[in-house]
């Protein structure tokens, strides 16, 4: 089960849902900040800038609550949701690598999660092939850039978020997954 934390909720708001999922034998992946909130981490209605420090502060709040504090543990941590999507790293229509840079956020969040828990680290990429507004946001361009900068801090699991109406995957799924597996060999 994937639980996406809302920017205006507290970690304890998810305790019962995680307990219920575990009681049914399900594993829980927690997403403290999804793609729609990555430009404005916390709180809801905050300015549209989300620095790496803001991103990590939100993740730390969730790690503090769900890692060995007597409440249910989370089975996996999604440190980047649709991390390559244009709507995260676009400022006034221009692709930037500034305060909204997801590559930096994903890499530092991966390091933070690994320092606090043994749960798998998950990175979800938005399936954009020839549909990204900026070439640097395309699935493989972003993945290659991330793999080159993250080094040993590669995710344990890489997922693809597909939007069939925007970028159908169809028979291209196997080559796409093979390519991502070679880009992130530890995942």
N, C-alpha and C. Protein backbone atom coordinates (compact mmCIF):
# COMPACT_ATOMS: atom_id res chain seq x y z
N UNK A 1 0.85 -1.17 0.00
CA UNK A 1 0.00 0.00 0.00
C UNK A 1 0.90 1.23 0.00
N UNK A 2 0.60 2.18 -0.85
CA UNK A 2 1.34 3.44 -0.89
C UNK A 2 0.49 4.49 -0.17
N UNK A 3 1.09 5.10 0.85
CA UNK A 3 0.42 6.18 1.56
C UNK A 3 1.17 7.46 1.24
N UNK A 4 0.43 8.42 0.67
CA UNK A 4 1.00 9.72 0.34
C UNK A 4 0.57 10.69 1.42
N UNK A 5 1.54 11.22 2.13
CA UNK A 5 1.25 12.17 3.21
C UNK A 5 0.80 13.51 2.63
N UNK A 6 -0.25 14.02 3.19
CA UNK A 6 -0.74 15.33 2.79
C UNK A 6 0.07 16.41 3.51
N UNK A 7 0.40 17.51 2.83
CA UNK A 7 1.21 18.55 3.47
C UNK A 7 0.59 19.14 4.73
N UNK A 8 -0.73 19.04 4.88
CA UNK A 8 -1.38 19.63 6.05
C UNK A 8 -1.72 18.61 7.13
N UNK A 9 -1.13 17.41 7.06
CA UNK A 9 -1.38 16.37 8.05
C UNK A 9 -0.11 16.08 8.84
N UNK A 10 -0.28 15.50 10.00
CA UNK A 10 0.84 15.10 10.85
C UNK A 10 1.10 13.60 10.69
N UNK A 11 2.32 13.13 10.97
CA UNK A 11 2.60 11.70 10.84
C UNK A 11 1.63 10.82 11.62
N UNK A 12 1.25 11.24 12.82
CA UNK A 12 0.35 10.41 13.64
C UNK A 12 -1.01 10.22 12.99
N UNK A 13 -1.37 11.08 12.04
CA UNK A 13 -2.64 10.93 11.34
C UNK A 13 -2.69 9.64 10.52
N UNK A 14 -1.54 9.03 10.27
CA UNK A 14 -1.46 7.83 9.44
C UNK A 14 -1.24 6.55 10.25
N UNK A 15 -1.13 6.68 11.56
CA UNK A 15 -0.87 5.50 12.41
C UNK A 15 -1.89 4.40 12.19
N UNK A 16 -3.17 4.73 12.28
CA UNK A 16 -4.21 3.71 12.19
C UNK A 16 -4.25 3.05 10.82
N UNK A 17 -4.01 3.81 9.77
CA UNK A 17 -4.00 3.24 8.42
C UNK A 17 -2.85 2.25 8.27
N UNK A 18 -1.69 2.58 8.81
CA UNK A 18 -0.53 1.69 8.72
C UNK A 18 -0.76 0.44 9.56
N UNK A 19 -1.31 0.60 10.75
CA UNK A 19 -1.63 -0.54 11.60
C UNK A 19 -2.64 -1.46 10.89
N UNK A 20 -3.68 -0.88 10.31
CA UNK A 20 -4.69 -1.67 9.62
C UNK A 20 -4.09 -2.42 8.43
N UNK A 21 -3.22 -1.77 7.69
CA UNK A 21 -2.57 -2.44 6.55
C UNK A 21 -1.71 -3.60 7.03
N UNK A 22 -0.92 -3.37 8.07
CA UNK A 22 -0.07 -4.44 8.61
C UNK A 22 -0.90 -5.58 9.17
N UNK A 23 -2.03 -5.27 9.82
CA UNK A 23 -2.91 -6.31 10.35
C UNK A 23 -3.46 -7.21 9.24
N UNK A 24 -3.53 -6.68 8.03
CA UNK A 24 -4.05 -7.45 6.90
C UNK A 24 -2.90 -8.09 6.09
N UNK A 25 -1.69 -7.99 6.62
CA UNK A 25 -0.54 -8.60 5.95
C UNK A 25 0.04 -7.78 4.81
N UNK A 26 -0.34 -6.53 4.72
CA UNK A 26 0.15 -5.66 3.66
C UNK A 26 1.39 -4.90 4.11
N UNK A 27 2.23 -4.56 3.17
CA UNK A 27 3.39 -3.71 3.45
C UNK A 27 3.02 -2.28 3.06
N UNK A 28 3.67 -1.33 3.71
CA UNK A 28 3.35 0.08 3.49
C UNK A 28 4.58 0.83 3.01
N UNK A 29 4.40 1.53 1.88
CA UNK A 29 5.40 2.47 1.41
C UNK A 29 4.88 3.87 1.71
N UNK A 30 5.68 4.66 2.40
CA UNK A 30 5.27 6.02 2.75
C UNK A 30 5.95 7.04 1.86
N UNK A 31 5.16 7.98 1.38
CA UNK A 31 5.65 9.08 0.56
C UNK A 31 5.42 10.37 1.34
N UNK A 32 6.44 10.87 2.07
CA UNK A 32 6.23 12.09 2.84
C UNK A 32 5.93 13.32 1.98
N UNK A 33 6.50 13.39 0.78
CA UNK A 33 6.27 14.53 -0.11
C UNK A 33 6.13 14.01 -1.52
N UNK A 34 4.92 14.13 -2.10
CA UNK A 34 4.76 13.64 -3.47
C UNK A 34 5.03 14.75 -4.47
N UNK A 35 4.92 14.41 -5.73
CA UNK A 35 5.29 15.36 -6.80
C UNK A 35 4.51 16.66 -6.71
N UNK A 36 3.24 16.59 -6.38
CA UNK A 36 2.43 17.81 -6.36
C UNK A 36 2.81 18.75 -5.22
N UNK A 37 3.46 18.22 -4.18
CA UNK A 37 3.84 19.05 -3.04
C UNK A 37 5.34 19.37 -3.00
N UNK A 38 6.11 18.83 -3.92
CA UNK A 38 7.56 19.00 -3.85
C UNK A 38 8.02 20.43 -4.08
N UNK A 39 7.22 21.22 -4.75
CA UNK A 39 7.60 22.62 -4.95
C UNK A 39 7.30 23.47 -3.72
N UNK A 40 6.39 23.02 -2.89
CA UNK A 40 6.04 23.74 -1.67
C UNK A 40 5.84 22.72 -0.57
N UNK A 41 6.91 22.33 0.09
CA UNK A 41 6.90 21.18 1.02
C UNK A 41 5.89 21.33 2.15
N UNK A 42 6.16 22.21 3.06
CA UNK A 42 5.31 22.38 4.23
C UNK A 42 5.29 23.85 4.62
N UNK A 43 4.25 24.30 5.26
CA UNK A 43 2.93 23.67 5.33
C UNK A 43 2.16 23.90 4.04
N UNK A 44 0.94 23.39 3.99
CA UNK A 44 0.11 23.64 2.81
C UNK A 44 -0.06 25.14 2.66
N UNK A 45 0.03 25.62 1.45
CA UNK A 45 -0.11 27.04 1.20
C UNK A 45 1.18 27.83 1.43
N UNK A 46 2.28 27.12 1.65
CA UNK A 46 3.58 27.78 1.82
C UNK A 46 4.00 28.38 0.50
N UNK A 47 5.01 29.22 0.53
CA UNK A 47 5.53 29.74 -0.74
C UNK A 47 5.93 28.58 -1.65
N UNK A 48 6.01 28.83 -2.92
CA UNK A 48 6.26 27.75 -3.87
C UNK A 48 7.73 27.36 -3.95
N UNK A 49 8.52 27.73 -3.00
CA UNK A 49 9.90 27.28 -2.97
C UNK A 49 10.03 26.19 -1.92
N UNK A 50 10.75 25.16 -2.25
CA UNK A 50 10.96 24.06 -1.32
C UNK A 50 12.44 23.72 -1.39
N UNK A 51 13.20 24.21 -0.46
CA UNK A 51 14.63 23.94 -0.47
C UNK A 51 14.90 22.49 -0.07
N UNK A 52 16.11 22.05 -0.30
CA UNK A 52 16.49 20.71 0.13
C UNK A 52 16.33 20.60 1.64
N UNK A 53 16.68 21.64 2.39
CA UNK A 53 16.51 21.61 3.84
C UNK A 53 15.03 21.45 4.22
N UNK A 54 14.13 22.13 3.52
CA UNK A 54 12.69 21.98 3.77
C UNK A 54 12.24 20.54 3.51
N UNK A 55 12.70 20.00 2.40
CA UNK A 55 12.35 18.64 1.99
C UNK A 55 12.82 17.63 3.04
N UNK A 56 14.07 17.80 3.49
CA UNK A 56 14.64 16.89 4.49
C UNK A 56 13.97 17.07 5.85
N UNK A 57 13.57 18.28 6.18
CA UNK A 57 12.89 18.51 7.46
C UNK A 57 11.57 17.74 7.50
N UNK A 58 10.84 17.77 6.40
CA UNK A 58 9.57 17.02 6.34
C UNK A 58 9.84 15.52 6.44
N UNK A 59 10.83 15.03 5.72
CA UNK A 59 11.19 13.61 5.79
C UNK A 59 11.62 13.24 7.20
N UNK A 60 12.42 14.09 7.84
CA UNK A 60 12.88 13.82 9.20
C UNK A 60 11.72 13.71 10.17
N UNK A 61 10.73 14.56 10.02
CA UNK A 61 9.54 14.51 10.89
C UNK A 61 8.88 13.13 10.78
N UNK A 62 8.77 12.62 9.57
CA UNK A 62 8.16 11.30 9.37
C UNK A 62 9.08 10.17 9.84
N UNK A 63 10.37 10.29 9.59
CA UNK A 63 11.32 9.28 10.09
C UNK A 63 11.32 9.25 11.61
N UNK A 64 11.29 10.42 12.24
CA UNK A 64 11.24 10.47 13.71
C UNK A 64 10.04 9.71 14.24
N UNK A 65 8.92 9.84 13.57
CA UNK A 65 7.69 9.22 14.05
C UNK A 65 7.63 7.72 13.74
N UNK A 66 8.06 7.31 12.54
CA UNK A 66 7.82 5.94 12.10
C UNK A 66 9.04 5.02 12.16
N UNK A 67 10.13 5.45 12.71
CA UNK A 67 11.31 4.58 12.77
C UNK A 67 11.67 4.27 14.21
N UNK A 68 11.11 3.18 14.71
CA UNK A 68 11.48 2.68 16.03
C UNK A 68 10.95 3.47 17.20
N UNK A 69 9.85 4.18 17.04
CA UNK A 69 9.33 4.97 18.15
C UNK A 69 8.13 4.31 18.83
N UNK A 70 7.91 3.04 18.56
CA UNK A 70 6.79 2.36 19.19
C UNK A 70 5.54 2.35 18.33
N UNK A 71 5.47 3.21 17.35
CA UNK A 71 4.37 3.17 16.39
C UNK A 71 4.78 2.22 15.27
N UNK A 72 3.87 1.87 14.39
CA UNK A 72 4.25 0.92 13.35
C UNK A 72 5.36 1.47 12.46
N UNK A 73 6.28 0.56 12.11
CA UNK A 73 7.33 0.93 11.18
C UNK A 73 6.77 0.98 9.76
N UNK A 74 7.42 1.77 8.93
CA UNK A 74 7.08 1.84 7.52
C UNK A 74 7.98 0.83 6.80
N UNK A 75 7.43 0.13 5.82
CA UNK A 75 8.17 -0.94 5.14
C UNK A 75 9.07 -0.44 4.01
N UNK A 76 8.78 0.73 3.46
CA UNK A 76 9.60 1.34 2.41
C UNK A 76 9.35 2.84 2.41
N UNK A 77 10.38 3.58 2.01
CA UNK A 77 10.30 5.05 1.97
C UNK A 77 10.49 5.53 0.55
N UNK A 78 9.49 6.23 0.02
CA UNK A 78 9.62 6.83 -1.31
C UNK A 78 10.24 8.21 -1.13
N UNK A 79 11.49 8.35 -1.56
CA UNK A 79 12.22 9.60 -1.36
C UNK A 79 12.05 10.58 -2.52
N UNK A 80 11.50 10.10 -3.61
CA UNK A 80 11.23 10.96 -4.76
C UNK A 80 10.08 10.39 -5.55
N UNK A 81 8.99 11.14 -5.63
CA UNK A 81 7.82 10.72 -6.39
C UNK A 81 7.77 11.50 -7.68
N UNK A 82 7.81 10.79 -8.80
CA UNK A 82 7.84 11.44 -10.11
C UNK A 82 8.91 12.53 -10.09
N UNK A 83 10.07 12.15 -9.60
CA UNK A 83 11.14 13.11 -9.33
C UNK A 83 11.61 13.86 -10.57
N UNK A 84 11.41 13.30 -11.72
CA UNK A 84 11.86 13.95 -12.95
C UNK A 84 10.79 14.80 -13.62
N UNK A 85 9.61 14.87 -13.04
CA UNK A 85 8.53 15.56 -13.72
C UNK A 85 8.79 17.06 -13.85
N UNK A 86 8.34 17.63 -14.95
CA UNK A 86 8.54 19.06 -15.21
C UNK A 86 7.88 19.95 -14.17
N UNK A 87 6.77 19.51 -13.58
CA UNK A 87 6.06 20.41 -12.68
C UNK A 87 6.79 20.62 -11.36
N UNK A 88 7.83 19.82 -11.08
CA UNK A 88 8.60 20.04 -9.86
C UNK A 88 9.69 21.07 -10.09
N UNK A 89 10.46 20.90 -11.14
CA UNK A 89 11.65 21.73 -11.34
C UNK A 89 11.44 22.86 -12.33
N UNK A 90 10.26 23.36 -12.40
CA UNK A 90 10.01 24.47 -13.31
C UNK A 90 9.73 25.72 -12.48
N UNK A 91 10.49 26.76 -12.75
CA UNK A 91 10.28 28.03 -12.10
C UNK A 91 10.05 29.07 -13.19
N UNK A 92 8.86 29.63 -13.23
CA UNK A 92 8.51 30.63 -14.23
C UNK A 92 8.81 30.12 -15.65
N UNK A 93 8.55 28.83 -15.88
CA UNK A 93 8.71 28.27 -17.22
C UNK A 93 10.13 27.88 -17.58
N UNK A 94 11.06 28.00 -16.67
CA UNK A 94 12.46 27.67 -16.98
C UNK A 94 12.93 26.54 -16.09
N UNK A 95 13.53 25.52 -16.69
CA UNK A 95 14.06 24.42 -15.90
C UNK A 95 15.23 24.94 -15.07
N UNK A 96 15.19 24.67 -13.77
CA UNK A 96 16.24 25.17 -12.89
C UNK A 96 16.83 24.04 -12.09
N UNK A 97 18.00 24.24 -11.59
CA UNK A 97 18.64 23.29 -10.67
C UNK A 97 18.88 24.01 -9.36
N UNK A 98 17.97 24.86 -8.99
CA UNK A 98 18.13 25.66 -7.77
C UNK A 98 17.43 25.02 -6.59
N UNK A 99 16.64 25.79 -5.87
CA UNK A 99 16.04 25.31 -4.63
C UNK A 99 15.05 24.18 -4.85
N UNK A 100 14.55 24.03 -6.07
CA UNK A 100 13.59 22.96 -6.33
C UNK A 100 14.26 21.74 -6.95
N UNK A 101 15.56 21.66 -6.92
CA UNK A 101 16.28 20.58 -7.59
C UNK A 101 16.00 19.23 -6.94
N UNK A 102 15.28 18.38 -7.64
CA UNK A 102 14.90 17.08 -7.10
C UNK A 102 16.07 16.12 -7.02
N UNK A 103 17.03 16.24 -7.88
CA UNK A 103 18.18 15.34 -7.82
C UNK A 103 18.89 15.46 -6.48
N UNK A 104 19.11 16.68 -6.04
CA UNK A 104 19.75 16.91 -4.74
C UNK A 104 18.86 16.39 -3.62
N UNK A 105 17.57 16.64 -3.71
CA UNK A 105 16.64 16.18 -2.68
C UNK A 105 16.62 14.66 -2.59
N UNK A 106 16.58 13.99 -3.74
CA UNK A 106 16.53 12.52 -3.75
C UNK A 106 17.81 11.94 -3.16
N UNK A 107 18.94 12.48 -3.56
CA UNK A 107 20.22 11.97 -3.08
C UNK A 107 20.38 12.17 -1.58
N UNK A 108 20.08 13.36 -1.09
CA UNK A 108 20.22 13.61 0.35
C UNK A 108 19.16 12.87 1.16
N UNK A 109 17.96 12.73 0.61
CA UNK A 109 16.91 11.98 1.31
C UNK A 109 17.28 10.50 1.39
N UNK A 110 17.88 9.97 0.34
CA UNK A 110 18.33 8.57 0.36
C UNK A 110 19.35 8.36 1.47
N UNK A 111 20.30 9.27 1.57
CA UNK A 111 21.32 9.18 2.63
C UNK A 111 20.67 9.24 4.01
N UNK A 112 19.71 10.15 4.17
CA UNK A 112 19.04 10.30 5.46
C UNK A 112 18.26 9.04 5.84
N UNK A 113 17.48 8.50 4.90
CA UNK A 113 16.69 7.30 5.20
C UNK A 113 17.62 6.15 5.57
N UNK A 114 18.68 5.97 4.82
CA UNK A 114 19.61 4.87 5.10
C UNK A 114 20.32 5.03 6.44
N UNK A 115 20.47 6.26 6.90
CA UNK A 115 21.10 6.48 8.21
C UNK A 115 20.16 6.18 9.37
N UNK A 116 18.86 6.07 9.07
CA UNK A 116 17.86 5.93 10.13
C UNK A 116 17.12 4.60 10.15
N UNK A 117 17.10 3.89 9.02
CA UNK A 117 16.32 2.67 8.93
C UNK A 117 16.90 1.75 7.87
N UNK A 118 16.56 0.48 7.96
CA UNK A 118 17.00 -0.47 6.94
C UNK A 118 15.92 -0.71 5.89
N UNK A 119 14.82 0.01 5.98
CA UNK A 119 13.74 -0.14 5.00
C UNK A 119 14.22 0.29 3.62
N UNK A 120 13.72 -0.34 2.57
CA UNK A 120 14.13 0.03 1.22
C UNK A 120 13.81 1.49 0.87
N UNK A 121 14.68 2.07 0.06
CA UNK A 121 14.51 3.42 -0.46
C UNK A 121 13.95 3.30 -1.88
N UNK A 122 12.87 4.01 -2.15
CA UNK A 122 12.18 3.91 -3.44
C UNK A 122 12.24 5.26 -4.15
N UNK A 123 12.51 5.20 -5.45
CA UNK A 123 12.47 6.38 -6.32
C UNK A 123 11.47 6.07 -7.43
N UNK A 124 10.51 6.96 -7.61
CA UNK A 124 9.54 6.80 -8.69
C UNK A 124 9.80 7.87 -9.74
N UNK A 125 9.92 7.40 -10.98
CA UNK A 125 10.13 8.31 -12.11
C UNK A 125 8.84 8.45 -12.90
N UNK A 126 8.59 9.64 -13.41
CA UNK A 126 7.45 9.91 -14.27
C UNK A 126 7.84 9.44 -15.66
N UNK A 127 7.04 8.58 -16.26
CA UNK A 127 7.33 8.08 -17.59
C UNK A 127 7.08 9.19 -18.60
N UNK A 128 8.15 9.86 -18.99
CA UNK A 128 8.09 10.93 -19.98
C UNK A 128 9.11 10.62 -21.05
N UNK A 129 8.66 10.25 -22.19
CA UNK A 129 9.56 9.99 -23.31
C UNK A 129 9.01 10.79 -24.48
N UNK A 130 9.75 11.79 -24.86
CA UNK A 130 9.34 12.70 -25.93
C UNK A 130 8.13 13.53 -25.52
N UNK A 131 7.82 13.57 -24.22
CA UNK A 131 6.70 14.40 -23.77
C UNK A 131 7.17 15.42 -22.73
N UNK A 132 8.38 15.28 -22.25
CA UNK A 132 8.89 16.22 -21.25
C UNK A 132 9.07 17.59 -21.89
N UNK A 133 8.69 18.61 -21.16
CA UNK A 133 8.86 19.98 -21.65
C UNK A 133 10.34 20.30 -21.80
N UNK A 134 11.15 19.81 -20.87
CA UNK A 134 12.59 20.03 -20.89
C UNK A 134 13.28 18.69 -21.07
N UNK A 135 14.26 18.62 -21.94
CA UNK A 135 14.96 17.36 -22.22
C UNK A 135 15.54 16.75 -20.94
N UNK A 136 15.99 17.59 -20.02
CA UNK A 136 16.60 17.08 -18.78
C UNK A 136 15.58 16.36 -17.91
N UNK A 137 14.28 16.55 -18.17
CA UNK A 137 13.24 15.89 -17.38
C UNK A 137 12.80 14.56 -17.95
N UNK A 138 13.26 14.21 -19.14
CA UNK A 138 12.84 12.94 -19.70
C UNK A 138 13.30 11.80 -18.80
N UNK A 139 12.59 10.72 -18.82
CA UNK A 139 12.84 9.61 -17.90
C UNK A 139 14.29 9.19 -17.88
N UNK A 140 14.85 8.90 -19.06
CA UNK A 140 16.22 8.38 -19.09
C UNK A 140 17.26 9.46 -18.87
N UNK A 141 17.05 10.66 -19.38
CA UNK A 141 18.01 11.75 -19.13
C UNK A 141 18.13 12.03 -17.64
N UNK A 142 16.99 12.13 -16.98
CA UNK A 142 17.02 12.41 -15.54
C UNK A 142 17.65 11.25 -14.78
N UNK A 143 17.27 10.01 -15.15
CA UNK A 143 17.81 8.84 -14.46
C UNK A 143 19.32 8.77 -14.61
N UNK A 144 19.83 9.03 -15.81
CA UNK A 144 21.29 9.00 -16.03
C UNK A 144 21.98 10.08 -15.21
N UNK A 145 21.41 11.27 -15.19
CA UNK A 145 22.00 12.35 -14.40
C UNK A 145 21.97 12.01 -12.91
N UNK A 146 20.87 11.43 -12.44
CA UNK A 146 20.75 11.06 -11.03
C UNK A 146 21.75 9.97 -10.68
N UNK A 147 21.86 8.96 -11.52
CA UNK A 147 22.79 7.86 -11.25
C UNK A 147 24.23 8.36 -11.23
N UNK A 148 24.53 9.32 -12.09
CA UNK A 148 25.90 9.86 -12.15
C UNK A 148 26.25 10.66 -10.91
N UNK A 149 25.26 11.34 -10.31
CA UNK A 149 25.54 12.17 -9.13
C UNK A 149 25.35 11.42 -7.82
N UNK A 150 24.50 10.39 -7.82
CA UNK A 150 24.18 9.75 -6.54
C UNK A 150 25.18 8.68 -6.14
N UNK A 151 25.85 8.07 -7.09
CA UNK A 151 26.84 7.05 -6.78
C UNK A 151 26.29 5.94 -5.91
N UNK A 152 26.88 5.75 -4.72
CA UNK A 152 26.47 4.66 -3.85
C UNK A 152 25.09 4.92 -3.24
N UNK A 153 24.57 6.11 -3.39
CA UNK A 153 23.26 6.43 -2.81
C UNK A 153 22.13 6.17 -3.80
N UNK A 154 22.28 5.14 -4.63
CA UNK A 154 21.21 4.75 -5.53
C UNK A 154 20.05 4.18 -4.73
N UNK A 155 18.85 4.30 -5.27
CA UNK A 155 17.69 3.73 -4.58
C UNK A 155 17.73 2.21 -4.62
N UNK A 156 16.98 1.59 -3.73
CA UNK A 156 16.85 0.13 -3.73
C UNK A 156 15.83 -0.33 -4.75
N UNK A 157 14.84 0.52 -5.00
CA UNK A 157 13.75 0.19 -5.92
C UNK A 157 13.49 1.41 -6.79
N UNK A 158 13.32 1.19 -8.10
CA UNK A 158 12.94 2.26 -9.02
C UNK A 158 11.60 1.87 -9.64
N UNK A 159 10.63 2.76 -9.51
CA UNK A 159 9.29 2.54 -10.07
C UNK A 159 9.04 3.53 -11.20
N UNK A 160 8.12 3.18 -12.08
CA UNK A 160 7.68 4.09 -13.13
C UNK A 160 6.23 4.46 -12.88
N UNK A 161 5.96 5.75 -12.88
CA UNK A 161 4.59 6.25 -12.81
C UNK A 161 4.16 6.50 -14.25
N UNK A 162 3.18 5.75 -14.70
CA UNK A 162 2.76 5.86 -16.10
C UNK A 162 1.40 6.52 -16.19
N UNK A 163 1.27 7.38 -17.15
CA UNK A 163 0.01 8.06 -17.45
C UNK A 163 -0.32 7.68 -18.89
N UNK A 164 -1.17 6.71 -19.04
CA UNK A 164 -1.39 6.13 -20.36
C UNK A 164 -1.91 7.14 -21.37
N UNK A 165 -2.63 8.15 -20.92
CA UNK A 165 -3.15 9.14 -21.85
C UNK A 165 -2.06 10.10 -22.33
N UNK A 166 -0.97 10.26 -21.55
CA UNK A 166 0.11 11.17 -21.92
C UNK A 166 1.26 10.46 -22.61
N UNK A 167 1.63 9.33 -22.10
CA UNK A 167 2.80 8.62 -22.62
C UNK A 167 2.59 7.13 -22.48
N UNK A 168 1.87 6.53 -23.40
CA UNK A 168 1.64 5.09 -23.27
C UNK A 168 2.95 4.32 -23.33
N UNK A 169 3.04 3.29 -22.53
CA UNK A 169 4.26 2.49 -22.46
C UNK A 169 4.17 1.28 -23.37
N UNK A 170 3.05 0.61 -23.36
CA UNK A 170 2.83 -0.52 -24.26
C UNK A 170 3.96 -1.52 -24.28
N UNK A 171 4.35 -1.94 -25.49
CA UNK A 171 5.39 -2.98 -25.63
C UNK A 171 6.77 -2.45 -25.28
N UNK A 172 6.88 -1.17 -25.04
CA UNK A 172 8.18 -0.59 -24.68
C UNK A 172 8.56 -0.83 -23.23
N UNK A 173 7.71 -1.49 -22.46
CA UNK A 173 7.97 -1.63 -21.03
C UNK A 173 9.24 -2.44 -20.75
N UNK A 174 9.44 -3.54 -21.46
CA UNK A 174 10.61 -4.37 -21.17
C UNK A 174 11.92 -3.63 -21.45
N UNK A 175 12.10 -3.03 -22.63
CA UNK A 175 13.34 -2.28 -22.84
C UNK A 175 13.51 -1.11 -21.87
N UNK A 176 12.40 -0.47 -21.50
CA UNK A 176 12.49 0.65 -20.56
C UNK A 176 12.98 0.16 -19.20
N UNK A 177 12.41 -0.93 -18.72
CA UNK A 177 12.82 -1.46 -17.42
C UNK A 177 14.25 -2.00 -17.46
N UNK A 178 14.63 -2.63 -18.57
CA UNK A 178 16.02 -3.11 -18.69
C UNK A 178 17.00 -1.94 -18.67
N UNK A 179 16.63 -0.86 -19.34
CA UNK A 179 17.50 0.32 -19.36
C UNK A 179 17.62 0.93 -17.95
N UNK A 180 16.52 1.03 -17.24
CA UNK A 180 16.56 1.56 -15.88
C UNK A 180 17.36 0.63 -14.97
N UNK A 181 17.24 -0.67 -15.17
CA UNK A 181 18.01 -1.63 -14.36
C UNK A 181 19.51 -1.46 -14.60
N UNK A 182 19.89 -1.16 -15.82
CA UNK A 182 21.32 -0.94 -16.08
C UNK A 182 21.77 0.42 -15.56
N UNK A 183 20.86 1.37 -15.48
CA UNK A 183 21.20 2.70 -14.95
C UNK A 183 21.35 2.65 -13.43
N UNK A 184 20.48 1.92 -12.77
CA UNK A 184 20.51 1.75 -11.32
C UNK A 184 20.73 0.27 -11.01
N UNK A 185 21.95 -0.24 -11.17
CA UNK A 185 22.17 -1.69 -11.04
C UNK A 185 21.87 -2.26 -9.66
N UNK A 186 21.86 -1.44 -8.63
CA UNK A 186 21.58 -1.95 -7.29
C UNK A 186 20.10 -2.05 -6.99
N UNK A 187 19.28 -1.51 -7.87
CA UNK A 187 17.82 -1.48 -7.62
C UNK A 187 17.16 -2.72 -8.18
